[in-house]
């Protein structure tokens, strides 16, 4: 089935097309959910809620941009709403320390494995992890993140700075990267 045939079928609530859409995109979207979730059960709940929205809102897809990107945006917003609804984001924000950090970004250790880094990202407090995911991985601006999470843009920046510092410490502790000669040197691959 082509993407256009699947979309057309889903517009008519065709179960075969809906199953095909789900089987084609759910593995990638589960990875997105997993980065935001505390546990696999939460990720699966986020995925389920996200695909319900995809099916109920598929009529709004206007063939502008990639269909997978449209799905991903719905899934990311669903993850954020899930965290807000369950008060998992607001309970974990720690701003006191984040304001005082200084980050120097120059180079990156090239041997890091994606899966190891994702597992280390999942060890961050949910507030830091959420901002890091939205900014560095999903590509949202701090202004957009602030609007999504009902926080100030400066709070998003602080959360991001703190998340990078904590992530580096975790990566060093787990010996995924070596302690750089200059602090935070490996973070150059993350956007500023």
N, C-alpha and C. Protein backbone atom coordinates (compact mmCIF):
# COMPACT_ATOMS: atom_id res chain seq x y z
N UNK A 1 0.83 -1.19 0.00
CA UNK A 1 0.00 0.00 0.00
C UNK A 1 0.87 1.25 0.00
N UNK A 2 0.54 2.19 -0.84
CA UNK A 2 1.27 3.45 -0.83
C UNK A 2 0.74 4.33 0.30
N UNK A 3 1.52 5.34 0.62
CA UNK A 3 1.12 6.26 1.68
C UNK A 3 -0.21 6.94 1.34
N UNK A 4 -0.37 7.33 0.09
CA UNK A 4 -1.61 8.00 -0.33
C UNK A 4 -2.82 7.08 -0.21
N UNK A 5 -2.66 5.80 -0.53
CA UNK A 5 -3.74 4.83 -0.41
C UNK A 5 -4.10 4.63 1.07
N UNK A 6 -3.08 4.56 1.91
CA UNK A 6 -3.30 4.40 3.35
C UNK A 6 -4.07 5.61 3.90
N UNK A 7 -3.62 6.81 3.53
CA UNK A 7 -4.29 8.02 4.00
C UNK A 7 -5.74 8.05 3.54
N UNK A 8 -5.96 7.73 2.27
CA UNK A 8 -7.33 7.73 1.73
C UNK A 8 -8.19 6.71 2.48
N UNK A 9 -7.65 5.55 2.75
CA UNK A 9 -8.39 4.53 3.50
C UNK A 9 -8.70 4.97 4.91
N UNK A 10 -7.73 5.61 5.55
CA UNK A 10 -7.94 6.09 6.92
C UNK A 10 -8.99 7.20 6.97
N UNK A 11 -9.05 8.00 5.91
CA UNK A 11 -10.08 9.05 5.84
C UNK A 11 -11.48 8.44 5.82
N UNK A 12 -11.57 7.20 5.34
CA UNK A 12 -12.86 6.48 5.30
C UNK A 12 -12.98 5.45 6.41
N UNK A 13 -12.13 5.58 7.43
CA UNK A 13 -12.15 4.68 8.60
C UNK A 13 -11.99 3.21 8.23
N UNK A 14 -11.20 2.94 7.21
CA UNK A 14 -10.95 1.57 6.77
C UNK A 14 -9.97 0.91 7.74
N UNK A 15 -10.40 -0.17 8.43
CA UNK A 15 -9.53 -0.83 9.42
C UNK A 15 -8.22 -1.36 8.84
N UNK A 16 -8.24 -1.84 7.61
CA UNK A 16 -7.01 -2.36 7.00
C UNK A 16 -6.00 -1.24 6.81
N UNK A 17 -6.46 -0.09 6.35
CA UNK A 17 -5.57 1.06 6.17
C UNK A 17 -5.07 1.57 7.52
N UNK A 18 -5.93 1.58 8.52
CA UNK A 18 -5.52 2.03 9.85
C UNK A 18 -4.47 1.09 10.44
N UNK A 19 -4.65 -0.21 10.26
CA UNK A 19 -3.66 -1.18 10.74
C UNK A 19 -2.32 -0.98 10.02
N UNK A 20 -2.38 -0.75 8.72
CA UNK A 20 -1.17 -0.55 7.93
C UNK A 20 -0.43 0.72 8.37
N UNK A 21 -1.18 1.80 8.58
CA UNK A 21 -0.57 3.04 9.04
C UNK A 21 0.10 2.82 10.39
N UNK A 22 -0.61 2.17 11.30
CA UNK A 22 -0.07 1.91 12.63
C UNK A 22 1.18 1.04 12.56
N UNK A 23 1.13 -0.03 11.80
CA UNK A 23 2.30 -0.93 11.74
C UNK A 23 3.48 -0.27 11.05
N UNK A 24 3.22 0.64 10.14
CA UNK A 24 4.30 1.31 9.42
C UNK A 24 5.00 2.36 10.29
N UNK A 25 4.23 3.11 11.07
CA UNK A 25 4.80 4.25 11.79
C UNK A 25 4.94 4.06 13.31
N UNK A 26 4.27 3.10 13.89
CA UNK A 26 4.32 2.97 15.35
C UNK A 26 5.70 2.65 15.90
N UNK A 27 6.53 1.84 15.24
CA UNK A 27 7.85 1.58 15.82
C UNK A 27 8.68 2.86 15.98
N UNK A 28 8.68 3.72 14.96
CA UNK A 28 9.44 4.96 15.05
C UNK A 28 8.84 5.89 16.10
N UNK A 29 7.53 5.94 16.16
CA UNK A 29 6.87 6.85 17.10
C UNK A 29 6.99 6.35 18.54
N UNK A 30 7.11 5.03 18.73
CA UNK A 30 7.34 4.50 20.07
C UNK A 30 8.69 4.96 20.60
N UNK A 31 9.68 5.05 19.73
CA UNK A 31 11.00 5.55 20.11
C UNK A 31 10.88 7.00 20.58
N UNK A 32 10.09 7.81 19.88
CA UNK A 32 9.86 9.20 20.28
C UNK A 32 9.22 9.22 21.67
N UNK A 33 8.18 8.43 21.85
CA UNK A 33 7.48 8.38 23.15
C UNK A 33 8.40 7.91 24.26
N UNK A 34 9.23 6.93 23.95
CA UNK A 34 10.13 6.35 24.94
C UNK A 34 11.10 7.40 25.48
N UNK A 35 11.52 8.34 24.63
CA UNK A 35 12.44 9.38 25.08
C UNK A 35 11.79 10.31 26.09
N UNK A 36 10.48 10.49 26.02
CA UNK A 36 9.78 11.37 26.95
C UNK A 36 9.28 10.64 28.19
N UNK A 37 9.06 9.35 28.09
CA UNK A 37 8.37 8.59 29.14
C UNK A 37 9.30 8.17 30.27
N UNK A 38 8.68 7.94 31.44
CA UNK A 38 9.40 7.41 32.59
C UNK A 38 9.63 5.91 32.45
N UNK A 39 8.70 5.22 31.82
CA UNK A 39 8.79 3.77 31.69
C UNK A 39 8.13 3.35 30.38
N UNK A 40 8.31 2.09 30.03
CA UNK A 40 7.75 1.58 28.77
C UNK A 40 6.23 1.68 28.76
N UNK A 41 5.59 1.44 29.89
CA UNK A 41 4.12 1.52 29.95
C UNK A 41 3.63 2.92 29.62
N UNK A 42 4.32 3.94 30.16
CA UNK A 42 3.95 5.32 29.83
C UNK A 42 4.15 5.59 28.34
N UNK A 43 5.26 5.10 27.78
CA UNK A 43 5.53 5.29 26.35
C UNK A 43 4.43 4.65 25.51
N UNK A 44 4.00 3.45 25.90
CA UNK A 44 2.94 2.78 25.15
C UNK A 44 1.61 3.52 25.28
N UNK A 45 1.34 4.08 26.46
CA UNK A 45 0.13 4.90 26.64
C UNK A 45 0.19 6.14 25.76
N UNK A 46 1.35 6.79 25.72
CA UNK A 46 1.53 7.98 24.88
C UNK A 46 1.31 7.63 23.42
N UNK A 47 1.87 6.50 23.01
CA UNK A 47 1.73 6.06 21.62
C UNK A 47 0.27 5.80 21.28
N UNK A 48 -0.43 5.11 22.16
CA UNK A 48 -1.85 4.80 21.96
C UNK A 48 -2.67 6.09 21.82
N UNK A 49 -2.47 7.02 22.77
CA UNK A 49 -3.19 8.30 22.70
C UNK A 49 -2.84 9.06 21.43
N UNK A 50 -1.57 9.03 21.07
CA UNK A 50 -1.12 9.73 19.87
C UNK A 50 -1.76 9.20 18.60
N UNK A 51 -1.85 7.89 18.47
CA UNK A 51 -2.45 7.33 17.26
C UNK A 51 -3.96 7.52 17.23
N UNK A 52 -4.59 7.59 18.38
CA UNK A 52 -6.02 7.93 18.39
C UNK A 52 -6.19 9.33 17.80
N UNK A 53 -5.30 10.25 18.18
CA UNK A 53 -5.35 11.61 17.63
C UNK A 53 -5.03 11.61 16.13
N UNK A 54 -4.05 10.82 15.74
CA UNK A 54 -3.70 10.74 14.31
C UNK A 54 -4.93 10.32 13.51
N UNK A 55 -5.61 9.26 13.95
CA UNK A 55 -6.77 8.78 13.21
C UNK A 55 -7.93 9.78 13.24
N UNK A 56 -8.10 10.45 14.37
CA UNK A 56 -9.23 11.38 14.45
C UNK A 56 -8.92 12.71 13.75
N UNK A 57 -7.65 13.02 13.54
CA UNK A 57 -7.28 14.29 12.91
C UNK A 57 -6.70 14.13 11.50
N UNK A 58 -6.75 12.93 10.96
CA UNK A 58 -6.11 12.69 9.66
C UNK A 58 -6.70 13.58 8.56
N UNK A 59 -7.93 14.00 8.73
CA UNK A 59 -8.55 14.88 7.74
C UNK A 59 -7.88 16.26 7.68
N UNK A 60 -7.07 16.59 8.71
CA UNK A 60 -6.39 17.89 8.72
C UNK A 60 -5.04 17.86 8.00
N UNK A 61 -4.55 16.66 7.65
CA UNK A 61 -3.29 16.56 6.92
C UNK A 61 -3.50 17.12 5.52
N UNK A 62 -2.66 18.09 5.13
CA UNK A 62 -2.87 18.79 3.87
C UNK A 62 -1.81 18.49 2.82
N UNK A 63 -1.08 17.40 2.96
CA UNK A 63 -0.01 17.03 2.02
C UNK A 63 1.05 18.12 1.89
N UNK A 64 1.24 18.92 2.93
CA UNK A 64 2.32 19.91 2.98
C UNK A 64 3.37 19.34 3.92
N UNK A 65 4.48 18.94 3.37
CA UNK A 65 5.51 18.30 4.18
C UNK A 65 5.28 16.80 4.24
N UNK A 66 6.14 16.15 4.99
CA UNK A 66 6.10 14.69 5.09
C UNK A 66 4.98 14.24 6.03
N UNK A 67 4.30 13.18 5.65
CA UNK A 67 3.24 12.61 6.47
C UNK A 67 3.82 12.11 7.80
N UNK A 68 4.99 11.51 7.75
CA UNK A 68 5.64 11.03 8.98
C UNK A 68 5.93 12.19 9.92
N UNK A 69 6.35 13.32 9.38
CA UNK A 69 6.59 14.50 10.19
C UNK A 69 5.32 15.01 10.85
N UNK A 70 4.21 14.94 10.13
CA UNK A 70 2.91 15.34 10.67
C UNK A 70 2.52 14.42 11.83
N UNK A 71 2.71 13.13 11.65
CA UNK A 71 2.43 12.16 12.72
C UNK A 71 3.32 12.44 13.92
N UNK A 72 4.60 12.65 13.66
CA UNK A 72 5.57 12.89 14.73
C UNK A 72 5.18 14.10 15.57
N UNK A 73 4.73 15.16 14.91
CA UNK A 73 4.32 16.36 15.63
C UNK A 73 3.15 16.06 16.56
N UNK A 74 2.19 15.29 16.10
CA UNK A 74 1.05 14.90 16.94
C UNK A 74 1.54 14.06 18.12
N UNK A 75 2.44 13.13 17.87
CA UNK A 75 2.96 12.26 18.92
C UNK A 75 3.71 13.10 19.97
N UNK A 76 4.55 14.03 19.53
CA UNK A 76 5.31 14.86 20.47
C UNK A 76 4.34 15.68 21.34
N UNK A 77 3.34 16.29 20.72
CA UNK A 77 2.37 17.07 21.50
C UNK A 77 1.58 16.17 22.46
N UNK A 78 1.30 14.97 22.04
CA UNK A 78 0.61 14.02 22.92
C UNK A 78 1.48 13.68 24.12
N UNK A 79 2.77 13.48 23.89
CA UNK A 79 3.70 13.19 24.99
C UNK A 79 3.73 14.35 25.98
N UNK A 80 3.81 15.57 25.47
CA UNK A 80 3.83 16.75 26.34
C UNK A 80 2.54 16.82 27.15
N UNK A 81 1.40 16.64 26.48
CA UNK A 81 0.11 16.69 27.18
C UNK A 81 0.00 15.59 28.23
N UNK A 82 0.53 14.41 27.93
CA UNK A 82 0.53 13.30 28.88
C UNK A 82 1.32 13.67 30.13
N UNK A 83 2.50 14.26 29.93
CA UNK A 83 3.33 14.65 31.07
C UNK A 83 2.65 15.74 31.89
N UNK A 84 2.06 16.71 31.21
CA UNK A 84 1.36 17.78 31.93
C UNK A 84 0.15 17.24 32.69
N UNK A 85 -0.62 16.39 32.03
CA UNK A 85 -1.83 15.84 32.64
C UNK A 85 -1.48 15.04 33.89
N UNK A 86 -0.41 14.32 33.83
CA UNK A 86 0.01 13.50 34.96
C UNK A 86 0.95 14.23 35.90
N UNK A 87 1.10 15.52 35.67
CA UNK A 87 1.92 16.39 36.53
C UNK A 87 3.34 15.88 36.68
N UNK A 88 3.84 15.21 35.67
CA UNK A 88 5.20 14.67 35.76
C UNK A 88 6.23 15.71 35.38
N UNK A 89 5.84 16.71 34.60
CA UNK A 89 6.82 17.72 34.19
C UNK A 89 7.03 18.75 35.29
N UNK A 90 5.97 19.34 35.78
CA UNK A 90 6.08 20.42 36.76
C UNK A 90 6.71 19.98 38.07
N UNK A 91 6.52 18.74 38.47
CA UNK A 91 7.05 18.26 39.73
C UNK A 91 8.57 18.10 39.73
N UNK A 92 9.19 18.10 38.56
CA UNK A 92 10.61 17.78 38.52
C UNK A 92 11.50 18.93 38.07
N UNK A 93 10.95 20.11 37.92
CA UNK A 93 11.77 21.22 37.45
C UNK A 93 12.63 21.76 38.58
N UNK A 94 13.91 21.87 38.32
CA UNK A 94 14.85 22.38 39.30
C UNK A 94 15.62 23.53 38.65
N UNK A 95 15.22 24.75 38.96
CA UNK A 95 15.81 25.90 38.29
C UNK A 95 16.94 26.53 39.08
N UNK A 96 17.00 26.33 40.35
CA UNK A 96 17.96 27.03 41.20
C UNK A 96 19.39 26.83 40.71
N UNK A 97 19.72 25.61 40.35
CA UNK A 97 21.09 25.32 39.95
C UNK A 97 21.35 25.69 38.50
N UNK A 98 20.35 25.57 37.63
CA UNK A 98 20.53 25.75 36.20
C UNK A 98 21.02 27.13 35.81
N UNK A 99 20.65 28.14 36.53
CA UNK A 99 21.00 29.52 36.19
C UNK A 99 22.50 29.76 36.25
N UNK A 100 23.21 29.06 37.11
CA UNK A 100 24.63 29.33 37.35
C UNK A 100 25.58 28.53 36.46
N UNK A 101 25.09 27.71 35.56
CA UNK A 101 25.97 26.88 34.74
C UNK A 101 26.55 27.65 33.57
N UNK A 102 27.78 27.33 33.22
CA UNK A 102 28.40 27.89 32.03
C UNK A 102 28.80 26.72 31.16
N UNK A 103 28.42 26.77 29.89
CA UNK A 103 28.69 25.67 28.98
C UNK A 103 29.60 26.15 27.86
N UNK A 104 30.64 25.39 27.60
CA UNK A 104 31.53 25.69 26.50
C UNK A 104 31.42 24.56 25.49
N UNK A 105 31.01 24.89 24.27
CA UNK A 105 30.76 23.85 23.27
C UNK A 105 31.77 23.98 22.14
N UNK A 106 32.54 22.91 21.90
CA UNK A 106 33.54 22.97 20.84
C UNK A 106 33.60 21.72 19.97
N UNK A 107 33.68 20.53 20.57
CA UNK A 107 33.82 19.32 19.76
C UNK A 107 33.05 18.18 20.41
N UNK A 108 32.96 17.04 19.71
CA UNK A 108 32.19 15.91 20.22
C UNK A 108 33.00 14.63 20.10
N UNK A 109 32.81 13.75 21.02
CA UNK A 109 33.43 12.43 20.94
C UNK A 109 32.62 11.65 19.92
N UNK A 110 33.28 11.19 18.86
CA UNK A 110 32.56 10.62 17.73
C UNK A 110 32.13 9.17 17.93
N UNK A 111 32.59 8.51 18.97
CA UNK A 111 32.29 7.08 19.12
C UNK A 111 31.04 6.79 19.92
N UNK A 112 30.29 7.83 20.32
CA UNK A 112 29.09 7.59 21.15
C UNK A 112 28.06 6.80 20.35
N UNK A 113 27.45 5.87 20.99
CA UNK A 113 26.41 5.07 20.39
C UNK A 113 25.06 5.70 20.70
N UNK A 114 24.20 5.82 19.68
CA UNK A 114 22.90 6.45 19.86
C UNK A 114 22.06 5.84 20.96
N UNK A 115 22.02 4.53 21.02
CA UNK A 115 21.19 3.86 22.02
C UNK A 115 21.67 4.16 23.43
N UNK A 116 22.97 4.16 23.64
CA UNK A 116 23.53 4.46 24.95
C UNK A 116 23.19 5.89 25.37
N UNK A 117 23.28 6.81 24.44
CA UNK A 117 22.97 8.20 24.75
C UNK A 117 21.50 8.35 25.09
N UNK A 118 20.62 7.71 24.33
CA UNK A 118 19.17 7.77 24.61
C UNK A 118 18.89 7.21 26.00
N UNK A 119 19.52 6.11 26.35
CA UNK A 119 19.32 5.55 27.69
C UNK A 119 19.80 6.53 28.77
N UNK A 120 20.88 7.23 28.50
CA UNK A 120 21.37 8.22 29.47
C UNK A 120 20.44 9.42 29.53
N UNK A 121 19.88 9.84 28.40
CA UNK A 121 18.92 10.93 28.40
C UNK A 121 17.72 10.56 29.26
N UNK A 122 17.31 9.32 29.21
CA UNK A 122 16.16 8.86 30.01
C UNK A 122 16.42 8.92 31.51
N UNK A 123 17.69 9.03 31.90
CA UNK A 123 18.03 9.13 33.33
C UNK A 123 17.89 10.56 33.86
N UNK A 124 17.75 11.52 32.96
CA UNK A 124 17.59 12.91 33.38
C UNK A 124 16.22 13.11 34.04
N UNK A 125 16.13 14.08 34.95
CA UNK A 125 14.80 14.41 35.48
C UNK A 125 13.87 14.78 34.32
N UNK A 126 12.61 14.48 34.46
CA UNK A 126 11.66 14.61 33.35
C UNK A 126 11.63 16.01 32.75
N UNK A 127 11.75 17.04 33.57
CA UNK A 127 11.74 18.41 33.05
C UNK A 127 12.92 18.67 32.14
N UNK A 128 14.11 18.28 32.57
CA UNK A 128 15.30 18.47 31.76
C UNK A 128 15.22 17.62 30.49
N UNK A 129 14.82 16.38 30.66
CA UNK A 129 14.72 15.46 29.52
C UNK A 129 13.74 15.99 28.48
N UNK A 130 12.63 16.53 28.93
CA UNK A 130 11.61 17.03 28.01
C UNK A 130 12.15 18.19 27.18
N UNK A 131 12.78 19.15 27.84
CA UNK A 131 13.31 20.30 27.12
C UNK A 131 14.44 19.86 26.18
N UNK A 132 15.31 18.98 26.65
CA UNK A 132 16.40 18.49 25.80
C UNK A 132 15.85 17.80 24.55
N UNK A 133 14.86 16.94 24.73
CA UNK A 133 14.25 16.26 23.59
C UNK A 133 13.61 17.24 22.62
N UNK A 134 12.85 18.18 23.15
CA UNK A 134 12.15 19.12 22.29
C UNK A 134 13.11 20.02 21.53
N UNK A 135 14.17 20.48 22.19
CA UNK A 135 15.08 21.42 21.56
C UNK A 135 16.12 20.72 20.68
N UNK A 136 16.88 19.81 21.27
CA UNK A 136 18.01 19.21 20.56
C UNK A 136 17.60 18.14 19.56
N UNK A 137 16.53 17.43 19.84
CA UNK A 137 16.17 16.30 18.98
C UNK A 137 15.01 16.64 18.06
N UNK A 138 13.97 17.27 18.60
CA UNK A 138 12.78 17.59 17.79
C UNK A 138 12.91 18.92 17.05
N UNK A 139 13.83 19.80 17.48
CA UNK A 139 14.09 21.02 16.75
C UNK A 139 13.19 22.21 17.06
N UNK A 140 12.48 22.17 18.17
CA UNK A 140 11.65 23.30 18.56
C UNK A 140 12.52 24.40 19.15
N UNK A 141 12.10 25.66 18.99
CA UNK A 141 12.83 26.78 19.59
C UNK A 141 12.46 26.88 21.07
N UNK A 142 13.27 27.62 21.82
CA UNK A 142 12.97 27.80 23.24
C UNK A 142 11.65 28.53 23.42
N UNK A 143 11.34 29.42 22.51
CA UNK A 143 10.05 30.14 22.57
C UNK A 143 8.90 29.14 22.41
N UNK A 144 9.00 28.26 21.40
CA UNK A 144 7.95 27.26 21.17
C UNK A 144 7.83 26.30 22.37
N UNK A 145 8.96 25.92 22.92
CA UNK A 145 8.94 25.02 24.08
C UNK A 145 8.26 25.70 25.26
N UNK A 146 8.59 26.96 25.47
CA UNK A 146 7.96 27.72 26.54
C UNK A 146 6.45 27.73 26.40
N UNK A 147 5.97 27.95 25.18
CA UNK A 147 4.53 27.96 24.94
C UNK A 147 3.91 26.58 25.17
N UNK A 148 4.59 25.54 24.71
CA UNK A 148 4.08 24.18 24.88
C UNK A 148 3.98 23.76 26.33
N UNK A 149 5.00 24.13 27.09
CA UNK A 149 5.11 23.65 28.47
C UNK A 149 4.61 24.67 29.50
N UNK A 150 4.13 25.80 29.02
CA UNK A 150 3.66 26.87 29.92
C UNK A 150 4.77 27.33 30.86
N UNK A 151 5.95 27.54 30.30
CA UNK A 151 7.09 28.05 31.06
C UNK A 151 7.68 29.23 30.29
N UNK A 152 8.52 30.00 30.95
CA UNK A 152 9.19 31.12 30.29
C UNK A 152 10.24 30.60 29.32
N UNK A 153 10.52 31.38 28.28
CA UNK A 153 11.56 31.02 27.33
C UNK A 153 12.90 30.87 28.06
N UNK A 154 13.18 31.75 29.01
CA UNK A 154 14.43 31.67 29.77
C UNK A 154 14.49 30.38 30.60
N UNK A 155 13.34 29.92 31.07
CA UNK A 155 13.29 28.66 31.81
C UNK A 155 13.67 27.50 30.89
N UNK A 156 13.16 27.54 29.66
CA UNK A 156 13.51 26.50 28.69
C UNK A 156 15.02 26.50 28.46
N UNK A 157 15.60 27.67 28.28
CA UNK A 157 17.05 27.75 28.07
C UNK A 157 17.82 27.20 29.28
N UNK A 158 17.37 27.56 30.48
CA UNK A 158 18.02 27.07 31.69
C UNK A 158 17.91 25.56 31.82
N UNK A 159 16.72 25.05 31.54
CA UNK A 159 16.51 23.60 31.59
C UNK A 159 17.42 22.88 30.60
N UNK A 160 17.55 23.46 29.42
CA UNK A 160 18.39 22.86 28.39
C UNK A 160 19.86 22.86 28.80
N UNK A 161 20.32 23.98 29.34
CA UNK A 161 21.71 24.08 29.80
C UNK A 161 21.98 23.05 30.90
N UNK A 162 21.07 22.96 31.84
CA UNK A 162 21.21 22.01 32.96
C UNK A 162 21.15 20.57 32.45
N UNK A 163 20.27 20.32 31.51
CA UNK A 163 20.15 18.97 30.96
C UNK A 163 21.45 18.53 30.29
N UNK A 164 22.07 19.42 29.52
CA UNK A 164 23.33 19.08 28.86
C UNK A 164 24.41 18.77 29.89
N UNK A 165 24.48 19.58 30.93
CA UNK A 165 25.50 19.36 31.97
C UNK A 165 25.27 18.03 32.68
N UNK A 166 24.03 17.75 33.04
CA UNK A 166 23.73 16.48 33.71
C UNK A 166 23.98 15.30 32.79
N UNK A 167 23.63 15.46 31.52
CA UNK A 167 23.84 14.38 30.57
C UNK A 167 25.33 14.07 30.42
N UNK A 168 26.13 15.10 30.35
CA UNK A 168 27.57 14.87 30.26
C UNK A 168 28.07 14.11 31.47
N UNK A 169 27.62 14.50 32.65
CA UNK A 169 28.06 13.82 33.87
C UNK A 169 27.65 12.34 33.85
N UNK A 170 26.46 12.06 33.38
CA UNK A 170 25.99 10.67 33.29
C UNK A 170 26.82 9.89 32.28
N UNK A 171 27.08 10.50 31.13
CA UNK A 171 27.87 9.82 30.09
C UNK A 171 29.29 9.53 30.57
N UNK A 172 29.86 10.45 31.33
CA UNK A 172 31.20 10.23 31.88
C UNK A 172 31.15 9.11 32.93
N UNK A 173 30.18 9.18 33.81
CA UNK A 173 30.06 8.17 34.86
C UNK A 173 29.89 6.77 34.27
N UNK A 174 29.13 6.66 33.20
CA UNK A 174 28.90 5.36 32.56
C UNK A 174 30.01 5.00 31.57
N UNK A 175 31.03 5.85 31.51
CA UNK A 175 32.20 5.64 30.66
C UNK A 175 31.85 5.55 29.19
N UNK A 176 30.83 6.29 28.78
CA UNK A 176 30.47 6.36 27.36
C UNK A 176 31.35 7.41 26.69
N UNK A 177 31.69 8.45 27.45
CA UNK A 177 32.67 9.43 26.98
C UNK A 177 33.71 9.59 28.08
N UNK A 178 34.89 10.08 27.69
CA UNK A 178 35.92 10.37 28.67
C UNK A 178 35.71 11.80 29.14
N UNK A 179 36.20 12.09 30.34
CA UNK A 179 36.11 13.45 30.84
C UNK A 179 36.94 14.34 29.90
N UNK A 180 36.31 15.31 29.28
CA UNK A 180 37.06 16.19 28.38
C UNK A 180 38.03 17.09 29.16
N UNK A 181 39.08 17.53 28.48
CA UNK A 181 40.05 18.42 29.13
C UNK A 181 39.39 19.73 29.51
N UNK A 182 38.47 20.18 28.66
CA UNK A 182 37.70 21.38 28.98
C UNK A 182 36.25 20.95 29.15
N UNK A 183 35.61 21.40 30.19
CA UNK A 183 34.24 20.98 30.49
C UNK A 183 33.31 21.17 29.30
N UNK A 184 32.43 20.22 29.10
CA UNK A 184 31.34 20.26 28.14
C UNK A 184 31.80 20.30 26.68
N UNK A 185 33.03 19.94 26.40
CA UNK A 185 33.58 20.03 25.06
C UNK A 185 32.82 19.17 24.05
N UNK A 186 32.35 18.04 24.47
CA UNK A 186 31.72 17.08 23.54
C UNK A 186 30.34 17.52 23.09
N UNK A 187 29.76 18.53 23.69
CA UNK A 187 28.37 18.89 23.42
C UNK A 187 28.16 19.71 22.16
N UNK A 188 29.15 19.84 21.33
CA UNK A 188 29.02 20.68 20.13
C UNK A 188 27.93 20.19 19.17
N UNK A 189 27.59 18.92 19.23
CA UNK A 189 26.56 18.43 18.32
C UNK A 189 25.17 18.85 18.74
N UNK A 190 24.99 19.26 19.98
CA UNK A 190 23.68 19.74 20.42
C UNK A 190 23.57 21.22 20.05
N UNK A 191 22.40 21.64 19.58
CA UNK A 191 22.23 23.05 19.19
C UNK A 191 22.41 23.97 20.39
N UNK A 192 22.78 25.21 20.08
CA UNK A 192 22.94 26.22 21.14
C UNK A 192 21.61 26.85 21.46
